[in-house]
N, C-alpha and C. Protein backbone atom coordinates (compact mmCIF):
# COMPACT_ATOMS: atom_id res chain seq x y z
N UNK A 1 17.05 -4.97 -23.80
CA UNK A 1 16.20 -5.27 -22.64
C UNK A 1 14.96 -4.37 -22.77
N UNK A 2 13.79 -4.92 -22.60
CA UNK A 2 12.58 -4.18 -22.73
C UNK A 2 11.97 -3.98 -21.32
N UNK A 3 11.60 -2.69 -21.06
CA UNK A 3 10.99 -2.44 -19.75
C UNK A 3 9.46 -2.52 -19.87
N UNK A 4 8.84 -3.07 -18.88
CA UNK A 4 7.42 -3.15 -18.86
C UNK A 4 6.86 -2.13 -17.88
N UNK A 5 5.98 -1.29 -18.40
CA UNK A 5 5.41 -0.24 -17.56
C UNK A 5 4.40 -0.82 -16.59
N UNK A 6 4.47 -0.40 -15.31
CA UNK A 6 3.53 -0.87 -14.29
C UNK A 6 2.70 0.38 -13.89
N UNK A 7 1.38 0.33 -14.03
CA UNK A 7 0.61 1.50 -13.76
C UNK A 7 0.57 1.89 -12.28
N UNK A 8 1.00 1.02 -11.37
CA UNK A 8 0.92 1.37 -9.95
C UNK A 8 2.24 1.93 -9.40
N UNK A 9 3.31 1.88 -10.20
CA UNK A 9 4.56 2.47 -9.67
C UNK A 9 4.40 3.98 -9.59
N UNK A 10 4.73 4.50 -8.42
CA UNK A 10 4.68 5.95 -8.21
C UNK A 10 3.22 6.47 -7.96
N UNK A 11 2.26 5.60 -7.91
CA UNK A 11 0.91 6.03 -7.63
C UNK A 11 0.32 5.24 -6.47
N UNK A 12 0.08 5.89 -5.37
CA UNK A 12 -0.46 5.20 -4.19
C UNK A 12 -1.87 4.74 -4.48
N UNK A 13 -2.33 3.72 -3.73
CA UNK A 13 -3.67 3.22 -3.87
C UNK A 13 -4.69 4.18 -3.37
N UNK A 14 -4.35 5.01 -2.36
CA UNK A 14 -5.33 5.91 -1.74
C UNK A 14 -4.92 7.34 -2.07
N UNK A 15 -5.95 8.05 -2.55
CA UNK A 15 -5.75 9.54 -2.78
C UNK A 15 -6.84 10.26 -1.99
N UNK A 16 -6.42 11.21 -1.21
CA UNK A 16 -7.37 12.05 -0.45
C UNK A 16 -7.27 13.45 -1.05
N UNK A 17 -8.34 13.84 -1.73
CA UNK A 17 -8.30 15.10 -2.50
C UNK A 17 -8.53 16.28 -1.55
N UNK A 18 -8.39 17.50 -2.11
CA UNK A 18 -8.43 18.74 -1.34
C UNK A 18 -9.83 18.95 -0.65
N UNK A 19 -9.80 19.80 0.32
CA UNK A 19 -11.02 20.09 1.13
C UNK A 19 -12.07 20.75 0.24
N UNK A 20 -13.27 20.25 0.35
CA UNK A 20 -14.45 20.77 -0.39
C UNK A 20 -15.34 21.49 0.62
N UNK A 21 -16.09 22.54 0.14
CA UNK A 21 -16.90 23.28 0.97
C UNK A 21 -18.16 22.41 1.40
N UNK A 22 -18.58 22.50 2.59
CA UNK A 22 -19.71 21.76 3.07
C UNK A 22 -19.84 22.05 4.58
N UNK A 23 -20.91 21.47 5.14
CA UNK A 23 -21.07 21.69 6.56
C UNK A 23 -21.24 20.33 7.20
N UNK A 24 -20.18 19.72 7.66
CA UNK A 24 -18.81 20.20 7.71
C UNK A 24 -18.06 20.01 6.42
N UNK A 25 -16.95 20.74 6.23
CA UNK A 25 -16.14 20.51 5.04
C UNK A 25 -15.72 19.04 4.96
N UNK A 26 -15.42 18.57 3.73
CA UNK A 26 -15.00 17.17 3.55
C UNK A 26 -13.95 17.02 2.47
N UNK A 27 -13.39 15.86 2.37
CA UNK A 27 -12.41 15.53 1.34
C UNK A 27 -12.89 14.31 0.61
N UNK A 28 -12.72 14.26 -0.68
CA UNK A 28 -13.08 13.06 -1.45
C UNK A 28 -11.98 12.04 -1.38
N UNK A 29 -12.31 10.81 -1.21
CA UNK A 29 -11.39 9.71 -1.11
C UNK A 29 -11.44 8.83 -2.35
N UNK A 30 -10.36 8.56 -3.04
CA UNK A 30 -10.28 7.67 -4.15
C UNK A 30 -9.39 6.48 -3.74
N UNK A 31 -9.80 5.32 -4.13
CA UNK A 31 -8.96 4.11 -3.94
C UNK A 31 -8.88 3.43 -5.26
N UNK A 32 -7.69 3.14 -5.67
CA UNK A 32 -7.38 2.58 -6.97
C UNK A 32 -8.07 3.25 -8.11
N UNK A 33 -8.11 4.64 -8.00
CA UNK A 33 -8.61 5.48 -9.10
C UNK A 33 -10.14 5.62 -9.08
N UNK A 34 -10.80 5.03 -8.11
CA UNK A 34 -12.26 5.09 -8.05
C UNK A 34 -12.64 5.93 -6.84
N UNK A 35 -13.64 6.80 -7.01
CA UNK A 35 -14.14 7.56 -5.85
C UNK A 35 -14.94 6.63 -4.97
N UNK A 36 -14.57 6.56 -3.68
CA UNK A 36 -15.21 5.61 -2.74
C UNK A 36 -16.08 6.36 -1.71
N UNK A 37 -15.89 7.66 -1.62
CA UNK A 37 -16.71 8.43 -0.66
C UNK A 37 -16.08 9.72 -0.22
N UNK A 38 -16.70 10.26 0.85
CA UNK A 38 -16.25 11.47 1.43
C UNK A 38 -15.66 11.22 2.81
N UNK A 39 -14.70 11.98 3.22
CA UNK A 39 -14.07 11.87 4.53
C UNK A 39 -14.18 13.26 5.22
N UNK A 40 -14.59 13.23 6.43
CA UNK A 40 -14.65 14.44 7.27
C UNK A 40 -13.54 14.43 8.30
N UNK A 41 -12.87 13.23 8.45
CA UNK A 41 -11.81 13.06 9.44
C UNK A 41 -10.83 11.97 8.90
N UNK A 42 -9.71 11.92 9.58
CA UNK A 42 -8.74 10.82 9.21
C UNK A 42 -9.38 9.45 9.46
N UNK A 43 -10.18 9.34 10.45
CA UNK A 43 -10.89 8.05 10.76
C UNK A 43 -11.74 7.63 9.57
N UNK A 44 -12.36 8.56 8.89
CA UNK A 44 -13.17 8.18 7.69
C UNK A 44 -12.26 7.66 6.58
N UNK A 45 -11.05 8.24 6.44
CA UNK A 45 -10.10 7.73 5.45
C UNK A 45 -9.70 6.31 5.80
N UNK A 46 -9.38 6.04 7.02
CA UNK A 46 -8.96 4.75 7.46
C UNK A 46 -10.10 3.71 7.32
N UNK A 47 -11.32 4.12 7.56
CA UNK A 47 -12.47 3.23 7.36
C UNK A 47 -12.71 2.87 5.90
N UNK A 48 -12.52 3.86 5.03
CA UNK A 48 -12.67 3.59 3.59
C UNK A 48 -11.59 2.64 3.10
N UNK A 49 -10.36 2.83 3.61
CA UNK A 49 -9.23 1.93 3.26
C UNK A 49 -9.54 0.53 3.77
N UNK A 50 -9.97 0.40 4.96
CA UNK A 50 -10.25 -0.95 5.54
C UNK A 50 -11.37 -1.63 4.81
N UNK A 51 -12.39 -0.86 4.35
CA UNK A 51 -13.52 -1.42 3.60
C UNK A 51 -13.04 -1.98 2.24
N UNK A 52 -11.90 -1.43 1.74
CA UNK A 52 -11.31 -1.92 0.52
C UNK A 52 -10.23 -2.95 0.73
N UNK A 53 -10.02 -3.35 1.97
CA UNK A 53 -9.05 -4.35 2.27
C UNK A 53 -7.64 -3.83 2.43
N UNK A 54 -7.46 -2.49 2.63
CA UNK A 54 -6.17 -1.87 2.76
C UNK A 54 -5.91 -1.55 4.21
N UNK A 55 -4.82 -1.98 4.75
CA UNK A 55 -4.44 -1.61 6.12
C UNK A 55 -3.36 -0.56 5.97
N UNK A 56 -3.64 0.60 6.59
CA UNK A 56 -2.70 1.73 6.55
C UNK A 56 -1.89 1.75 7.85
N UNK A 57 -0.57 1.53 7.72
CA UNK A 57 0.24 1.55 8.94
C UNK A 57 0.85 2.93 9.17
N UNK A 58 0.99 3.71 8.15
CA UNK A 58 1.64 5.00 8.23
C UNK A 58 0.90 6.00 7.32
N UNK A 59 0.23 6.99 7.90
CA UNK A 59 -0.52 7.98 7.12
C UNK A 59 0.37 8.93 6.34
N UNK A 60 1.70 8.85 6.65
CA UNK A 60 2.63 9.71 5.95
C UNK A 60 3.42 9.01 4.89
N UNK A 61 3.10 7.72 4.63
CA UNK A 61 3.80 6.96 3.58
C UNK A 61 3.25 7.28 2.20
N UNK A 62 4.06 8.01 1.40
CA UNK A 62 3.53 8.41 0.08
C UNK A 62 3.34 7.24 -0.89
N UNK A 63 3.89 6.07 -0.60
CA UNK A 63 3.69 4.92 -1.43
C UNK A 63 2.33 4.30 -1.20
N UNK A 64 1.65 4.70 -0.10
CA UNK A 64 0.32 4.12 0.27
C UNK A 64 -0.76 5.15 0.09
N UNK A 65 -0.52 6.40 0.53
CA UNK A 65 -1.57 7.41 0.56
C UNK A 65 -1.00 8.77 0.11
N UNK A 66 -1.77 9.47 -0.76
CA UNK A 66 -1.35 10.78 -1.19
C UNK A 66 -2.39 11.77 -0.74
N UNK A 67 -1.97 12.82 -0.04
CA UNK A 67 -2.82 13.91 0.45
C UNK A 67 -2.66 15.04 -0.50
N UNK A 68 -3.76 15.40 -1.20
CA UNK A 68 -3.75 16.46 -2.21
C UNK A 68 -4.35 17.73 -1.57
N UNK A 69 -3.70 18.84 -1.69
CA UNK A 69 -4.25 20.07 -1.17
C UNK A 69 -4.16 20.21 0.33
N UNK A 70 -3.24 19.54 0.94
CA UNK A 70 -3.04 19.61 2.40
C UNK A 70 -2.58 18.22 2.88
N UNK A 71 -2.44 18.12 4.15
CA UNK A 71 -1.96 16.86 4.71
C UNK A 71 -3.09 16.25 5.61
N UNK A 72 -2.71 15.27 6.41
CA UNK A 72 -3.72 14.56 7.23
C UNK A 72 -4.36 15.42 8.27
N UNK A 73 -3.78 16.64 8.52
CA UNK A 73 -4.36 17.57 9.49
C UNK A 73 -5.23 18.65 8.83
N UNK A 74 -5.34 18.62 7.50
CA UNK A 74 -6.07 19.68 6.78
C UNK A 74 -7.53 19.21 6.55
N UNK A 75 -8.45 19.80 7.29
CA UNK A 75 -9.85 19.46 7.15
C UNK A 75 -10.77 20.64 7.06
N UNK A 76 -10.21 21.86 6.94
CA UNK A 76 -10.96 23.08 6.80
C UNK A 76 -10.46 23.86 5.60
N UNK A 77 -11.31 24.61 4.94
CA UNK A 77 -10.99 25.41 3.80
C UNK A 77 -10.09 26.59 4.30
N UNK A 78 -9.12 26.92 3.52
CA UNK A 78 -8.23 28.08 3.87
C UNK A 78 -8.37 29.10 2.79
N UNK A 79 -9.18 30.16 3.03
CA UNK A 79 -9.40 31.20 2.09
C UNK A 79 -8.24 32.18 2.03
N UNK A 80 -7.94 32.69 0.85
CA UNK A 80 -6.99 33.75 0.77
C UNK A 80 -5.51 33.30 0.83
N UNK A 81 -5.28 31.95 0.75
CA UNK A 81 -3.90 31.47 0.75
C UNK A 81 -3.29 31.68 -0.64
N UNK A 82 -2.04 32.11 -0.63
CA UNK A 82 -1.36 32.30 -1.93
C UNK A 82 -0.02 31.62 -1.85
């Protein structure tokens, strides 16, 4: 039996990258591997998803969205964390 690799298994459609310095700080949003913009709040992430035709029912569902460098509540830089 031959297995066929699927590039989307284990990889959510939405990636919210770590907090970047700015005024205000922001996070880069990728959808399907493409950078679609910056988010300053969770609402910005949901708007980017909706613009791409994705409805997010659960912000904690790792099959839909991956939060890199923090979670949905992380919107400020944390200096000196180890």
